[in-house]
């Protein structure tokens, strides 16, 4: 197989951009973002893929491309979460297992990575990538963590430290694409908040409370129970409202935020909070 040249990638990008401009809902976004990834423009690849996944959140190939993009950006926890979405959508494949092994190596989970690679080698003994990965699994890799890898591992472990609302809000605010996070009680009082300076807490709280009350009343009128989540999209930000334990969690996200990954984080946070508040 001939290697893809820069000219080939430029032509592919041009064709995909044309298709996407004619149909913004097209699944071609995955091929386009992968072409940008192969060309080395990870920022553009991330933006295109994130935008596409917002419109097609259940598209497995799109999540696969995002997993590769995050892997190459050194965002190993994000890459693993995207890979989980791929498996949920399409099941495990040799491709997902190989990328998972590479992610685990970067996270210094050597034994698990080795187990996966040895299993893959049984059915594909001549695969050069698998052979090279296995050869590079030296004993010292179990304790060796570069600065970037250690940061990724620390980010994954930080969830374990979330025991209260302040921790949760601080953690969510630190995520990429999140401009603010706050928790509002049913009485409209702000319990915890962390917002970018340009966001006005009182205004966000008022908007959230009014929307929440209106939706709750309208749903009650048609006997559908209580709402779980509300998404409000504007040109400047996206307001994501989630109910939990008679409280409201509000995320103020940038328009290009990857909500698929954030949804996993929010679910994890609420699970930890629920567990620690029992």
Protein backbone atom coordinates (compact mmCIF):
# COMPACT_ATOMS: atom_id res chain seq x y z
CA UNK A 1 0.00 0.00 0.00
CA UNK A 2 1.42 3.40 -1.02
CA UNK A 3 1.75 6.00 1.75
CA UNK A 4 -0.66 8.92 1.66
CA UNK A 5 1.11 12.06 0.46
CA UNK A 6 0.47 15.64 1.51
CA UNK A 7 -1.05 16.30 -1.91
CA UNK A 8 -3.43 13.36 -1.49
CA UNK A 9 -4.50 14.70 1.92
CA UNK A 10 -5.05 18.19 0.54
CA UNK A 11 -7.27 16.78 -2.23
CA UNK A 12 -9.19 14.67 0.28
CA UNK A 13 -9.66 17.66 2.56
CA UNK A 14 -10.90 19.80 -0.31
CA UNK A 15 -13.45 17.17 -1.39
CA UNK A 16 -14.66 16.54 2.16
CA UNK A 17 -14.95 20.27 2.89
CA UNK A 18 -17.09 20.68 -0.23
CA UNK A 19 -19.43 17.85 0.83
CA UNK A 20 -19.68 19.21 4.37
CA UNK A 21 -20.38 22.74 3.17
CA UNK A 22 -23.28 21.39 1.09
CA UNK A 23 -24.58 19.26 3.97
CA UNK A 24 -23.52 20.19 7.50
CA UNK A 25 -25.07 16.96 8.83
CA UNK A 26 -22.93 14.75 6.61
CA UNK A 27 -20.95 11.94 8.23
CA UNK A 28 -18.01 12.95 6.02
CA UNK A 29 -16.81 15.01 9.01
CA UNK A 30 -15.03 11.89 10.29
CA UNK A 31 -13.00 11.46 7.11
CA UNK A 32 -12.28 15.20 7.02
CA UNK A 33 -11.06 15.39 10.60
CA UNK A 34 -8.97 12.25 10.09
CA UNK A 35 -7.35 13.86 7.05
CA UNK A 36 -6.47 16.92 9.14
CA UNK A 37 -5.09 14.57 11.81
CA UNK A 38 -2.91 12.75 9.29
CA UNK A 39 -1.67 16.10 8.01
CA UNK A 40 -0.68 17.07 11.54
CA UNK A 41 -3.25 19.82 12.11
CA UNK A 42 -4.63 18.40 15.36
CA UNK A 43 -6.37 21.62 16.41
CA UNK A 44 -8.38 21.73 13.18
CA UNK A 45 -9.04 17.99 13.36
CA UNK A 46 -10.33 18.33 16.92
CA UNK A 47 -12.61 21.23 16.00
CA UNK A 48 -14.10 19.51 12.92
CA UNK A 49 -14.61 16.21 14.70
CA UNK A 50 -16.10 17.83 17.80
CA UNK A 51 -18.56 19.79 15.68
CA UNK A 52 -19.52 16.65 13.77
CA UNK A 53 -20.04 14.59 16.91
CA UNK A 54 -22.35 17.23 18.32
CA UNK A 55 -24.65 16.59 15.35
CA UNK A 56 -24.01 12.83 15.25
CA UNK A 57 -23.27 11.79 18.86
CA UNK A 58 -23.79 8.05 18.21
CA UNK A 59 -21.51 7.80 15.16
CA UNK A 60 -18.84 5.26 16.12
CA UNK A 61 -16.27 6.10 13.39
CA UNK A 62 -16.39 9.73 14.48
CA UNK A 63 -15.56 8.78 18.05
CA UNK A 64 -12.75 6.58 16.73
CA UNK A 65 -11.19 9.52 14.94
CA UNK A 66 -11.58 11.66 18.06
CA UNK A 67 -9.88 8.95 20.10
CA UNK A 68 -6.90 9.04 17.73
CA UNK A 69 -6.80 12.84 17.81
CA UNK A 70 -6.82 12.91 21.61
CA UNK A 71 -4.17 10.20 21.72
CA UNK A 72 -1.86 12.23 19.49
CA UNK A 73 -2.52 15.33 21.59
CA UNK A 74 -1.39 13.43 24.68
CA UNK A 75 -4.90 13.45 26.15
CA UNK A 76 -4.88 9.76 27.01
CA UNK A 77 -7.85 9.73 29.40
CA UNK A 78 -9.97 11.53 26.80
CA UNK A 79 -8.79 9.10 24.13
CA UNK A 80 -9.80 6.13 26.28
CA UNK A 81 -13.24 7.61 26.94
CA UNK A 82 -13.80 8.16 23.22
CA UNK A 83 -12.73 4.59 22.56
CA UNK A 84 -15.31 3.41 25.08
CA UNK A 85 -17.99 5.21 23.07
CA UNK A 86 -16.78 3.44 19.93
CA UNK A 87 -17.04 0.05 21.63
CA UNK A 88 -20.50 0.91 22.96
CA UNK A 89 -21.65 1.84 19.46
CA UNK A 90 -19.97 -0.89 17.40
CA UNK A 91 -18.39 -3.44 19.73
CA UNK A 92 -14.73 -4.37 20.17
CA UNK A 93 -12.53 -4.77 17.10
CA UNK A 94 -8.83 -5.36 16.49
CA UNK A 95 -8.50 -1.66 15.76
CA UNK A 96 -10.07 -0.56 19.04
CA UNK A 97 -8.06 -3.11 21.02
CA UNK A 98 -4.78 -2.03 19.43
CA UNK A 99 -5.43 1.64 20.15
CA UNK A 100 -6.49 0.76 23.69
CA UNK A 101 -3.18 -1.05 24.22
CA UNK A 102 -1.28 2.02 22.99
CA UNK A 103 -3.28 4.26 25.34
CA UNK A 104 -2.63 1.95 28.30
CA UNK A 105 1.09 2.00 27.57
CA UNK A 106 1.07 5.80 27.72
CA UNK A 107 -0.78 5.58 31.03
CA UNK A 108 1.85 3.11 32.28
CA UNK A 109 -0.71 0.32 32.64
CA UNK A 110 1.81 -2.05 31.14
CA UNK A 111 0.46 -5.41 32.27
CA UNK A 112 -3.00 -4.75 30.84
CA UNK A 113 -1.51 -3.44 27.58
CA UNK A 114 0.71 -6.50 27.28
CA UNK A 115 -2.24 -8.83 27.81
CA UNK A 116 -4.15 -7.16 24.96
CA UNK A 117 -1.15 -7.16 22.61
CA UNK A 118 -0.35 -10.81 23.22
CA UNK A 119 -3.97 -11.70 22.49
CA UNK A 120 -3.83 -9.72 19.24
CA UNK A 121 -0.54 -11.36 18.27
CA UNK A 122 -2.09 -14.82 18.39
CA UNK A 123 -4.38 -14.04 15.46
CA UNK A 124 -1.97 -11.70 13.66
CA UNK A 125 1.61 -12.88 14.41
CA UNK A 126 3.23 -10.92 11.57
CA UNK A 127 1.76 -7.54 12.49
CA UNK A 128 4.78 -5.26 12.77
CA UNK A 129 3.08 -2.67 14.98
CA UNK A 130 2.09 -5.29 17.53
CA UNK A 131 5.58 -6.79 17.48
CA UNK A 132 7.25 -3.40 18.03
CA UNK A 133 4.91 -2.50 20.86
CA UNK A 134 5.59 -5.78 22.64
CA UNK A 135 9.34 -5.39 22.19
CA UNK A 136 9.23 -1.91 23.70
CA UNK A 137 7.44 -3.04 26.85
CA UNK A 138 10.57 -2.96 29.00
CA UNK A 139 10.41 -3.45 32.79
CA UNK A 140 11.44 0.12 33.49
CA UNK A 141 8.34 1.36 31.68
CA UNK A 142 6.26 0.24 34.67
CA UNK A 143 7.69 3.03 36.79
CA UNK A 144 8.71 5.50 34.13
CA UNK A 145 6.28 8.38 33.65
CA UNK A 146 7.14 11.42 31.59
CA UNK A 147 5.79 14.76 32.75
CA UNK A 148 2.95 14.73 30.25
CA UNK A 149 1.98 11.14 30.95
CA UNK A 150 2.01 11.75 34.69
CA UNK A 151 -0.32 14.71 34.19
CA UNK A 152 -2.76 12.51 32.26
CA UNK A 153 -2.70 9.86 34.98
CA UNK A 154 -3.17 12.48 37.67
CA UNK A 155 -6.17 13.89 35.76
CA UNK A 156 -7.79 10.45 35.70
CA UNK A 157 -7.17 9.96 39.41
CA UNK A 158 -8.52 13.37 40.34
CA UNK A 159 -12.07 12.06 40.12
CA UNK A 160 -11.40 9.96 43.20
CA UNK A 161 -10.81 13.18 45.16
CA UNK A 162 -14.21 14.65 44.33
CA UNK A 163 -16.16 14.38 47.56
CA UNK A 164 -18.23 17.58 47.65
CA UNK A 165 -19.83 20.23 45.46
CA UNK A 166 -16.82 22.52 45.59
CA UNK A 167 -14.54 19.76 44.30
CA UNK A 168 -17.05 18.83 41.58
CA UNK A 169 -17.51 22.40 40.36
CA UNK A 170 -13.76 23.02 40.34
CA UNK A 171 -13.12 19.83 38.41
CA UNK A 172 -15.82 20.47 35.80
CA UNK A 173 -14.64 24.05 35.30
CA UNK A 174 -11.14 22.74 34.51
CA UNK A 175 -12.36 20.64 31.57
CA UNK A 176 -11.73 21.76 28.03
CA UNK A 177 -14.58 23.79 26.57
CA UNK A 178 -16.16 24.60 29.96
CA UNK A 179 -16.34 28.32 30.69
CA UNK A 180 -18.23 27.98 33.94
CA UNK A 181 -19.87 25.52 36.31
CA UNK A 182 -22.32 26.13 39.13
CA UNK A 183 -24.79 24.29 41.32
CA UNK A 184 -28.15 25.93 42.09
CA UNK A 185 -30.64 24.78 44.72
CA UNK A 186 -34.36 24.47 44.03
CA UNK A 187 -34.79 27.76 45.88
CA UNK A 188 -32.64 29.53 43.29
CA UNK A 189 -29.66 30.04 45.60
CA UNK A 190 -26.18 29.33 44.23
CA UNK A 191 -24.48 26.63 46.31
CA UNK A 192 -21.16 26.56 44.44
CA UNK A 193 -19.84 28.31 41.35
CA UNK A 194 -16.72 28.84 39.30
CA UNK A 195 -17.10 31.01 36.21
CA UNK A 196 -14.92 32.84 33.73
CA UNK A 197 -14.81 36.59 34.56
CA UNK A 198 -17.04 37.63 31.64
CA UNK A 199 -19.91 35.41 32.80
CA UNK A 200 -22.28 37.02 35.29
CA UNK A 201 -23.29 34.56 38.01
CA UNK A 202 -26.55 36.31 38.84
CA UNK A 203 -27.64 36.39 35.19
CA UNK A 204 -26.77 32.73 34.57
CA UNK A 205 -28.58 31.73 37.77
CA UNK A 206 -31.72 33.70 36.88
CA UNK A 207 -31.85 32.28 33.35
CA UNK A 208 -31.27 28.74 34.64
CA UNK A 209 -33.94 29.02 37.35
CA UNK A 210 -36.56 30.45 34.99
CA UNK A 211 -35.91 27.84 32.32
CA UNK A 212 -35.88 25.01 34.85
CA UNK A 213 -39.15 26.09 36.46
CA UNK A 214 -40.93 26.59 33.13
CA UNK A 215 -39.83 23.22 31.73
CA UNK A 216 -40.69 21.47 34.99
CA UNK A 217 -44.19 22.98 35.02
CA UNK A 218 -44.88 22.20 31.36
CA UNK A 219 -43.70 18.59 31.68
CA UNK A 220 -45.79 18.12 34.84
CA UNK A 221 -48.87 19.29 32.94
CA UNK A 222 -48.55 16.37 30.54
CA UNK A 223 -47.61 13.90 33.28
CA UNK A 224 -44.12 12.98 32.05
CA UNK A 225 -42.39 13.28 35.41
CA UNK A 226 -39.44 15.57 36.05
CA UNK A 227 -36.92 16.61 33.42
CA UNK A 228 -33.36 15.28 33.56
CA UNK A 229 -31.43 17.61 31.27
CA UNK A 230 -31.97 20.79 29.28
CA UNK A 231 -29.68 22.16 26.57
CA UNK A 232 -29.86 25.82 25.56
CA UNK A 233 -27.71 26.81 22.58
CA UNK A 234 -26.82 30.41 21.76
CA UNK A 235 -24.24 31.92 19.44
CA UNK A 236 -21.94 32.68 22.38
CA UNK A 237 -22.30 29.64 24.64
CA UNK A 238 -24.21 26.48 25.39
CA UNK A 239 -26.04 26.19 28.69
CA UNK A 240 -26.29 22.59 29.87
CA UNK A 241 -28.69 22.09 32.80
CA UNK A 242 -28.81 18.78 34.69
CA UNK A 243 -31.02 17.92 37.68
CA UNK A 244 -29.70 15.82 40.55
CA UNK A 245 -30.74 15.38 44.20
CA UNK A 246 -33.12 18.41 44.18
CA UNK A 247 -30.33 20.58 42.78
CA UNK A 248 -29.34 21.86 39.37
CA UNK A 249 -25.89 21.49 37.84
CA UNK A 250 -25.20 24.10 35.16
CA UNK A 251 -22.32 23.99 32.68
CA UNK A 252 -21.56 27.01 30.54
CA UNK A 253 -19.77 25.58 27.51
CA UNK A 254 -18.13 27.13 24.47
CA UNK A 255 -19.94 26.38 21.17
CA UNK A 256 -17.16 23.99 20.08
CA UNK A 257 -17.11 21.99 23.34
CA UNK A 258 -17.24 18.23 22.88
CA UNK A 259 -20.43 17.35 24.75
CA UNK A 260 -20.01 13.61 24.28
CA UNK A 261 -16.90 13.55 26.44
CA UNK A 262 -18.37 16.06 28.90
CA UNK A 263 -21.46 13.89 29.33
CA UNK A 264 -19.25 11.05 30.55
CA UNK A 265 -17.50 13.38 33.00
CA UNK A 266 -20.78 14.74 34.37
CA UNK A 267 -22.12 11.22 34.86
CA UNK A 268 -18.96 10.27 36.73
CA UNK A 269 -19.10 13.38 38.90
CA UNK A 270 -22.74 12.84 39.87
CA UNK A 271 -22.02 9.20 40.65
CA UNK A 272 -19.17 10.15 42.97
CA UNK A 273 -21.23 12.84 44.66
CA UNK A 274 -24.14 10.47 45.16
CA UNK A 275 -21.85 7.83 46.58
CA UNK A 276 -20.10 10.19 48.99
CA UNK A 277 -23.28 11.88 50.19
CA UNK A 278 -25.02 8.68 51.26
